[in-house]
Amino acid sequence: YKRMPIAELLDLSMNQTLARTVLTGVTTLFALAALSIWGGEVIQSFTIAMIFGILAGTYSSIFVAGPLLILFKLRPGAL
């Protein structure tokens, strides 16, 4: 992998982890939706904030982290 171009390596990595990332986000959203619907008034506000956090985190893992690596031209072990 050290000789692969960074864009190709990133594409391969994203293809390997995309399903896991999406499934983790969706299952967490199911649990938070249940807490939001059947939880008390205090827990409901917390779960709404958590839902937005999970959505933002999943989005950034898929669509933001990769392009930032290409932008900064980072390779594993470059730090």
PDB file of N, CA and C in Angstrom:
ATOM      1  N   TYR A   1       0.804  -1.201   0.000  1.00  0.00           N
ATOM      2  CA  TYR A   1       0.000   0.000   0.000  1.00  0.00           C
ATOM      3  C   TYR A   1       0.848   1.268   0.000  1.00  0.00           C
ATOM      4  N   LYS A   2       2.094   1.147   0.365  1.00  0.00           N
ATOM      5  CA  LYS A   2       2.946   2.334   0.435  1.00  0.00           C
ATOM      6  C   LYS A   2       3.199   2.946  -0.933  1.00  0.00           C
ATOM      7  N   ARG A   3       3.143   2.139  -1.972  1.00  0.00           N
ATOM      8  CA  ARG A   3       3.423   2.646  -3.314  1.00  0.00           C
ATOM      9  C   ARG A   3       2.166   3.095  -4.055  1.00  0.00           C
ATOM     10  N   MET A   4       1.000   2.900  -3.458  1.00  0.00           N
ATOM     11  CA  MET A   4      -0.257   3.294  -4.114  1.00  0.00           C
ATOM     12  C   MET A   4      -0.422   4.808  -4.061  1.00  0.00           C
ATOM     13  N   PRO A   5      -0.970   5.401  -5.102  1.00  0.00           N
ATOM     14  CA  PRO A   5      -1.308   6.833  -5.032  1.00  0.00           C
ATOM     15  C   PRO A   5      -2.334   7.067  -3.923  1.00  0.00           C
ATOM     16  N   ILE A   6      -2.249   8.213  -3.286  1.00  0.00           N
ATOM     17  CA  ILE A   6      -3.095   8.494  -2.125  1.00  0.00           C
ATOM     18  C   ILE A   6      -4.579   8.439  -2.483  1.00  0.00           C
ATOM     19  N   ALA A   7      -4.955   8.913  -3.668  1.00  0.00           N
ATOM     20  CA  ALA A   7      -6.368   8.900  -4.056  1.00  0.00           C
ATOM     21  C   ALA A   7      -6.877   7.470  -4.229  1.00  0.00           C
ATOM     22  N   GLU A   8      -6.066   6.614  -4.818  1.00  0.00           N
ATOM     23  CA  GLU A   8      -6.462   5.215  -5.005  1.00  0.00           C
ATOM     24  C   GLU A   8      -6.545   4.488  -3.661  1.00  0.00           C
ATOM     25  N   LEU A   9      -5.594   4.750  -2.785  1.00  0.00           N
ATOM     26  CA  LEU A   9      -5.601   4.147  -1.457  1.00  0.00           C
ATOM     27  C   LEU A   9      -6.816   4.597  -0.656  1.00  0.00           C
ATOM     28  N   LEU A  10      -7.140   5.871  -0.760  1.00  0.00           N
ATOM     29  CA  LEU A  10      -8.300   6.399  -0.056  1.00  0.00           C
ATOM     30  C   LEU A  10      -9.591   5.797  -0.603  1.00  0.00           C
ATOM     31  N   ASP A  11      -9.685   5.643  -1.913  1.00  0.00           N
ATOM     32  CA  ASP A  11     -10.862   5.030  -2.518  1.00  0.00           C
ATOM     33  C   ASP A  11     -11.028   3.592  -2.040  1.00  0.00           C
ATOM     34  N   LEU A  12      -9.957   2.841  -2.008  1.00  0.00           N
ATOM     35  CA  LEU A  12     -10.002   1.462  -1.531  1.00  0.00           C
ATOM     36  C   LEU A  12     -10.427   1.407  -0.068  1.00  0.00           C
ATOM     37  N   SER A  13      -9.874   2.285   0.740  1.00  0.00           N
ATOM     38  CA  SER A  13     -10.213   2.315   2.162  1.00  0.00           C
ATOM     39  C   SER A  13     -11.670   2.681   2.390  1.00  0.00           C
ATOM     40  N   MET A  14     -12.164   3.659   1.644  1.00  0.00           N
ATOM     41  CA  MET A  14     -13.564   4.060   1.797  1.00  0.00           C
ATOM     42  C   MET A  14     -14.507   2.939   1.370  1.00  0.00           C
ATOM     43  N   ASN A  15     -14.167   2.229   0.305  1.00  0.00           N
ATOM     44  CA  ASN A  15     -14.999   1.111  -0.136  1.00  0.00           C
ATOM     45  C   ASN A  15     -15.042   0.002   0.907  1.00  0.00           C
ATOM     46  N   GLN A  16     -13.943  -0.207   1.622  1.00  0.00           N
ATOM     47  CA  GLN A  16     -13.893  -1.255   2.631  1.00  0.00           C
ATOM     48  C   GLN A  16     -14.656  -0.886   3.894  1.00  0.00           C
ATOM     49  N   THR A  17     -14.742   0.391   4.223  1.00  0.00           N
ATOM     50  CA  THR A  17     -15.351   0.791   5.490  1.00  0.00           C
ATOM     51  C   THR A  17     -16.720   1.446   5.356  1.00  0.00           C
ATOM     52  N   LEU A  18     -17.174   1.708   4.142  1.00  0.00           N
ATOM     53  CA  LEU A  18     -18.428   2.438   3.952  1.00  0.00           C
ATOM     54  C   LEU A  18     -19.619   1.713   4.559  1.00  0.00           C
ATOM     55  N   ALA A  19     -19.782   0.451   4.266  1.00  0.00           N
ATOM     56  CA  ALA A  19     -20.933  -0.299   4.784  1.00  0.00           C
ATOM     57  C   ALA A  19     -20.912  -0.341   6.304  1.00  0.00           C
ATOM     58  N   ARG A  20     -19.751  -0.560   6.892  1.00  0.00           N
ATOM     59  CA  ARG A  20     -19.648  -0.612   8.351  1.00  0.00           C
ATOM     60  C   ARG A  20     -20.005   0.737   8.976  1.00  0.00           C
ATOM     61  N   THR A  21     -19.548   1.809   8.382  1.00  0.00           N
ATOM     62  CA  THR A  21     -19.841   3.141   8.902  1.00  0.00           C
ATOM     63  C   THR A  21     -21.332   3.444   8.841  1.00  0.00           C
ATOM     64  N   VAL A  22     -21.951   3.151   7.713  1.00  0.00           N
ATOM     65  CA  VAL A  22     -23.383   3.424   7.549  1.00  0.00           C
ATOM     66  C   VAL A  22     -24.210   2.551   8.484  1.00  0.00           C
ATOM     67  N   LEU A  23     -23.889   1.266   8.571  1.00  0.00           N
ATOM     68  CA  LEU A  23     -24.656   0.371   9.444  1.00  0.00           C
ATOM     69  C   LEU A  23     -24.512   0.749  10.915  1.00  0.00           C
ATOM     70  N   THR A  24     -23.339   1.157  11.326  1.00  0.00           N
ATOM     71  CA  THR A  24     -23.149   1.597  12.707  1.00  0.00           C
ATOM     72  C   THR A  24     -23.987   2.837  12.992  1.00  0.00           C
ATOM     73  N   GLY A  25     -23.977   3.789  12.077  1.00  0.00           N
ATOM     74  CA  GLY A  25     -24.781   4.995  12.252  1.00  0.00           C
ATOM     75  C   GLY A  25     -26.270   4.696  12.293  1.00  0.00           C
ATOM     76  N   VAL A  26     -26.739   3.820  11.412  1.00  0.00           N
ATOM     77  CA  VAL A  26     -28.174   3.498  11.351  1.00  0.00           C
ATOM     78  C   VAL A  26     -28.625   2.763  12.605  1.00  0.00           C
ATOM     79  N   THR A  27     -27.851   1.785  13.068  1.00  0.00           N
ATOM     80  CA  THR A  27     -28.268   1.059  14.273  1.00  0.00           C
ATOM     81  C   THR A  27     -28.263   1.968  15.498  1.00  0.00           C
ATOM     82  N   THR A  28     -27.312   2.878  15.565  1.00  0.00           N
ATOM     83  CA  THR A  28     -27.304   3.836  16.668  1.00  0.00           C
ATOM     84  C   THR A  28     -28.506   4.766  16.578  1.00  0.00           C
ATOM     85  N   LEU A  29     -28.866   5.173  15.361  1.00  0.00           N
ATOM     86  CA  LEU A  29     -30.047   6.022  15.185  1.00  0.00           C
ATOM     87  C   LEU A  29     -31.325   5.304  15.601  1.00  0.00           C
ATOM     88  N   PHE A  30     -31.423   3.989  15.341  1.00  0.00           N
ATOM     89  CA  PHE A  30     -32.593   3.226  15.791  1.00  0.00           C
ATOM     90  C   PHE A  30     -32.725   3.272  17.308  1.00  0.00           C
ATOM     91  N   ALA A  31     -31.620   3.056  18.004  1.00  0.00           N
ATOM     92  CA  ALA A  31     -31.650   3.086  19.465  1.00  0.00           C
ATOM     93  C   ALA A  31     -32.007   4.483  19.972  1.00  0.00           C
ATOM     94  N   LEU A  32     -31.444   5.505  19.354  1.00  0.00           N
ATOM     95  CA  LEU A  32     -31.744   6.871  19.781  1.00  0.00           C
ATOM     96  C   LEU A  32     -33.179   7.263  19.456  1.00  0.00           C
ATOM     97  N   ALA A  33     -33.703   6.776  18.340  1.00  0.00           N
ATOM     98  CA  ALA A  33     -35.102   7.057  18.004  1.00  0.00           C
ATOM     99  C   ALA A  33     -36.028   6.435  19.035  1.00  0.00           C
ATOM    100  N   ALA A  34     -35.724   5.218  19.465  1.00  0.00           N
ATOM    101  CA  ALA A  34     -36.539   4.571  20.495  1.00  0.00           C
ATOM    102  C   ALA A  34     -36.482   5.361  21.796  1.00  0.00           C
ATOM    103  N   LEU A  35     -35.307   5.814  22.173  1.00  0.00           N
ATOM    104  CA  LEU A  35     -35.188   6.625  23.387  1.00  0.00           C
ATOM    105  C   LEU A  35     -35.929   7.947  23.248  1.00  0.00           C
ATOM    106  N   SER A  36     -35.884   8.524  22.072  1.00  0.00           N
ATOM    107  CA  SER A  36     -36.565   9.793  21.843  1.00  0.00           C
ATOM    108  C   SER A  36     -38.078   9.643  21.913  1.00  0.00           C
ATOM    109  N   ILE A  37     -38.592   8.535  21.383  1.00  0.00           N
ATOM    110  CA  ILE A  37     -40.043   8.324  21.360  1.00  0.00           C
ATOM    111  C   ILE A  37     -40.563   7.902  22.727  1.00  0.00           C
ATOM    112  N   TRP A  38     -39.919   6.910  23.343  1.00  0.00           N
ATOM    113  CA  TRP A  38     -40.448   6.337  24.577  1.00  0.00           C
ATOM    114  C   TRP A  38     -39.726   6.812  25.830  1.00  0.00           C
ATOM    115  N   GLY A  39     -38.680   7.611  25.677  1.00  0.00           N
ATOM    116  CA  GLY A  39     -37.968   8.116  26.840  1.00  0.00           C
ATOM    117  C   GLY A  39     -38.721   9.268  27.481  1.00  0.00           C
ATOM    118  N   GLY A  40     -38.254   9.668  28.622  1.00  0.00           N
ATOM    119  CA  GLY A  40     -38.889  10.777  29.315  1.00  0.00           C
ATOM    120  C   GLY A  40     -38.567  12.109  28.664  1.00  0.00           C
ATOM    121  N   GLU A  41     -39.134  13.149  29.238  1.00  0.00           N
ATOM    122  CA  GLU A  41     -38.950  14.492  28.683  1.00  0.00           C
ATOM    123  C   GLU A  41     -37.493  14.937  28.751  1.00  0.00           C
ATOM    124  N   VAL A  42     -36.817  14.581  29.827  1.00  0.00           N
ATOM    125  CA  VAL A  42     -35.423  14.983  29.986  1.00  0.00           C
ATOM    126  C   VAL A  42     -34.536  14.250  28.979  1.00  0.00           C
ATOM    127  N   ILE A  43     -34.741  12.964  28.811  1.00  0.00           N
ATOM    128  CA  ILE A  43     -33.906  12.171  27.906  1.00  0.00           C
ATOM    129  C   ILE A  43     -34.194  12.501  26.449  1.00  0.00           C
ATOM    130  N   GLN A  44     -35.390  12.986  26.153  1.00  0.00           N
ATOM    131  CA  GLN A  44     -35.767  13.287  24.776  1.00  0.00           C
ATOM    132  C   GLN A  44     -34.889  14.394  24.188  1.00  0.00           C
ATOM    133  N   SER A  45     -34.644  15.435  24.935  1.00  0.00           N
ATOM    134  CA  SER A  45     -33.783  16.521  24.444  1.00  0.00           C
ATOM    135  C   SER A  45     -32.361  16.025  24.193  1.00  0.00           C
ATOM    136  N   PHE A  46     -31.881  15.177  25.077  1.00  0.00           N
ATOM    137  CA  PHE A  46     -30.541  14.618  24.923  1.00  0.00           C
ATOM    138  C   PHE A  46     -30.448  13.749  23.675  1.00  0.00           C
ATOM    139  N   THR A  47     -31.455  12.925  23.442  1.00  0.00           N
ATOM    140  CA  THR A  47     -31.398  12.030  22.284  1.00  0.00           C
ATOM    141  C   THR A  47     -31.506  12.793  20.968  1.00  0.00           C
ATOM    142  N   ILE A  48     -32.250  13.880  20.955  1.00  0.00           N
ATOM    143  CA  ILE A  48     -32.318  14.702  19.737  1.00  0.00           C
ATOM    144  C   ILE A  48     -30.931  15.264  19.416  1.00  0.00           C
ATOM    145  N   ALA A  49     -30.228  15.738  20.431  1.00  0.00           N
ATOM    146  CA  ALA A  49     -28.866  16.240  20.222  1.00  0.00           C
ATOM    147  C   ALA A  49     -27.935  15.120  19.760  1.00  0.00           C
ATOM    148  N   MET A  50     -28.092  13.938  20.330  1.00  0.00           N
ATOM    149  CA  MET A  50     -27.270  12.796  19.923  1.00  0.00           C
ATOM    150  C   MET A  50     -27.546  12.392  18.477  1.00  0.00           C
ATOM    151  N   ILE A  51     -28.811  12.457  18.058  1.00  0.00           N
ATOM    152  CA  ILE A  51     -29.162  12.121  16.674  1.00  0.00           C
ATOM    153  C   ILE A  51     -28.454  13.064  15.706  1.00  0.00           C
ATOM    154  N   PHE A  52     -28.484  14.353  15.996  1.00  0.00           N
ATOM    155  CA  PHE A  52     -27.774  15.305  15.137  1.00  0.00           C
ATOM    156  C   PHE A  52     -26.269  15.030  15.138  1.00  0.00           C
ATOM    157  N   GLY A  53     -25.726  14.663  16.279  1.00  0.00           N
ATOM    158  CA  GLY A  53     -24.302  14.340  16.359  1.00  0.00           C
ATOM    159  C   GLY A  53     -23.929  13.109  15.549  1.00  0.00           C
ATOM    160  N   ILE A  54     -24.758  12.076  15.620  1.00  0.00           N
ATOM    161  CA  ILE A  54     -24.502  10.856  14.846  1.00  0.00           C
ATOM    162  C   ILE A  54     -24.586  11.151  13.352  1.00  0.00           C
ATOM    163  N   LEU A  55     -25.582  11.928  12.947  1.00  0.00           N
ATOM    164  CA  LEU A  55     -25.714  12.282  11.530  1.00  0.00           C
ATOM    165  C   LEU A  55     -24.504  13.084  11.049  1.00  0.00           C
ATOM    166  N   ALA A  56     -24.088  14.063  11.841  1.00  0.00           N
ATOM    167  CA  ALA A  56     -22.936  14.883  11.458  1.00  0.00           C
ATOM    168  C   ALA A  56     -21.651  14.060  11.438  1.00  0.00           C
ATOM    169  N   GLY A  57     -21.478  13.190  12.417  1.00  0.00           N
ATOM    170  CA  GLY A  57     -20.276  12.362  12.475  1.00  0.00           C
ATOM    171  C   GLY A  57     -20.190  11.370  11.332  1.00  0.00           C
ATOM    172  N   THR A  58     -21.319  10.744  11.006  1.00  0.00           N
ATOM    173  CA  THR A  58     -21.331   9.789   9.898  1.00  0.00           C
ATOM    174  C   THR A  58     -21.065  10.500   8.578  1.00  0.00           C
ATOM    175  N   TYR A  59     -21.700  11.651   8.392  1.00  0.00           N
ATOM    176  CA  TYR A  59     -21.482  12.432   7.168  1.00  0.00           C
ATOM    177  C   TYR A  59     -20.016  12.826   7.032  1.00  0.00           C
ATOM    178  N   SER A  60     -19.429  13.327   8.117  1.00  0.00           N
ATOM    179  CA  SER A  60     -18.043  13.781   8.024  1.00  0.00           C
ATOM    180  C   SER A  60     -17.080  12.618   7.832  1.00  0.00           C
ATOM    181  N   SER A  61     -17.384  11.461   8.410  1.00  0.00           N
ATOM    182  CA  SER A  61     -16.519  10.297   8.205  1.00  0.00           C
ATOM    183  C   SER A  61     -16.490   9.875   6.749  1.00  0.00           C
ATOM    184  N   ILE A  62     -17.624   9.988   6.078  1.00  0.00           N
ATOM    185  CA  ILE A  62     -17.717   9.523   4.699  1.00  0.00           C
ATOM    186  C   ILE A  62     -17.273  10.598   3.712  1.00  0.00           C
ATOM    187  N   PHE A  63     -17.765  11.825   3.878  1.00  0.00           N
ATOM    188  CA  PHE A  63     -17.603  12.837   2.836  1.00  0.00           C
ATOM    189  C   PHE A  63     -16.587  13.934   3.138  1.00  0.00           C
ATOM    190  N   VAL A  64     -16.100  14.045   4.371  1.00  0.00           N
ATOM    191  CA  VAL A  64     -15.196  15.143   4.704  1.00  0.00           C
ATOM    192  C   VAL A  64     -13.775  14.654   4.964  1.00  0.00           C
ATOM    193  N   ALA A  65     -13.623  13.560   5.694  1.00  0.00           N
ATOM    194  CA  ALA A  65     -12.291  13.106   6.103  1.00  0.00           C
ATOM    195  C   ALA A  65     -11.408  12.740   4.912  1.00  0.00           C
ATOM    196  N   GLY A  66     -11.946  12.024   3.949  1.00  0.00           N
ATOM    197  CA  GLY A  66     -11.162  11.620   2.780  1.00  0.00           C
ATOM    198  C   GLY A  66     -10.650  12.785   1.961  1.00  0.00           C
ATOM    199  N   PRO A  67     -11.528  13.702   1.552  1.00  0.00           N
ATOM    200  CA  PRO A  67     -11.038  14.860   0.798  1.00  0.00           C
ATOM    201  C   PRO A  67     -10.033  15.717   1.576  1.00  0.00           C
ATOM    202  N   LEU A  68     -10.173  15.785   2.900  1.00  0.00           N
ATOM    203  CA  LEU A  68      -9.187  16.532   3.678  1.00  0.00           C
ATOM    204  C   LEU A  68      -7.821  15.860   3.628  1.00  0.00           C
ATOM    205  N   LEU A  69      -7.796  14.534   3.654  1.00  0.00           N
ATOM    206  CA  LEU A  69      -6.515  13.836   3.528  1.00  0.00           C
ATOM    207  C   LEU A  69      -5.860  14.134   2.185  1.00  0.00           C
ATOM    208  N   ILE A  70      -6.656  14.142   1.133  1.00  0.00           N
ATOM    209  CA  ILE A  70      -6.103  14.465  -0.185  1.00  0.00           C
ATOM    210  C   ILE A  70      -5.644  15.917  -0.223  1.00  0.00           C
ATOM    211  N   LEU A  71      -6.426  16.806   0.377  1.00  0.00           N
ATOM    212  CA  LEU A  71      -6.067  18.222   0.403  1.00  0.00           C
ATOM    213  C   LEU A  71      -4.731  18.445   1.107  1.00  0.00           C
ATOM    214  N   PHE A  72      -4.535  17.780   2.229  1.00  0.00           N
ATOM    215  CA  PHE A  72      -3.297  17.950   2.990  1.00  0.00           C
ATOM    216  C   PHE A  72      -2.191  16.996   2.548  1.00  0.00           C
ATOM    217  N   LYS A  73      -2.500  16.114   1.577  1.00  0.00           N
ATOM    218  CA  LYS A  73      -1.527  15.169   1.027  1.00  0.00           C
ATOM    219  C   LYS A  73      -0.864  14.326   2.116  1.00  0.00           C
ATOM    220  N   LEU A  74      -1.673  13.831   3.040  1.00  0.00           N
ATOM    221  CA  LEU A  74      -1.128  13.016   4.124  1.00  0.00           C
ATOM    222  C   LEU A  74      -1.112  11.548   3.737  1.00  0.00           C
ATOM    223  N   ARG A  75      -0.086  10.862   4.152  1.00  0.00           N
ATOM    224  CA  ARG A  75       0.013   9.411   4.004  1.00  0.00           C
ATOM    225  C   ARG A  75       0.228   8.827   5.398  1.00  0.00           C
ATOM    226  N   PRO A  76      -0.158   7.576   5.598  1.00  0.00           N
ATOM    227  CA  PRO A  76       0.114   6.954   6.896  1.00  0.00           C
ATOM    228  C   PRO A  76       1.608   6.997   7.200  1.00  0.00           C
ATOM    229  N   GLY A  77       1.942   7.400   8.393  1.00  0.00           N
ATOM    230  CA  GLY A  77       3.339   7.496   8.783  1.00  0.00           C
ATOM    231  C   GLY A  77       3.987   8.813   8.413  1.00  0.00           C
ATOM    232  N   ALA A  78       3.233   9.741   7.838  1.00  0.00           N
ATOM    233  CA  ALA A  78       3.811  11.021   7.425  1.00  0.00           C
ATOM    234  C   ALA A  78       3.953  11.989   8.595  1.00  0.00           C
ATOM    235  N   LEU A  79       3.256  11.714   9.684  1.00  0.00           N
ATOM    236  CA  LEU A  79       3.319  12.631  10.823  1.00  0.00           C
ATOM    237  C   LEU A  79       4.507  12.372  11.700  1.00  0.00           C
TER     238      LEU A  79
END
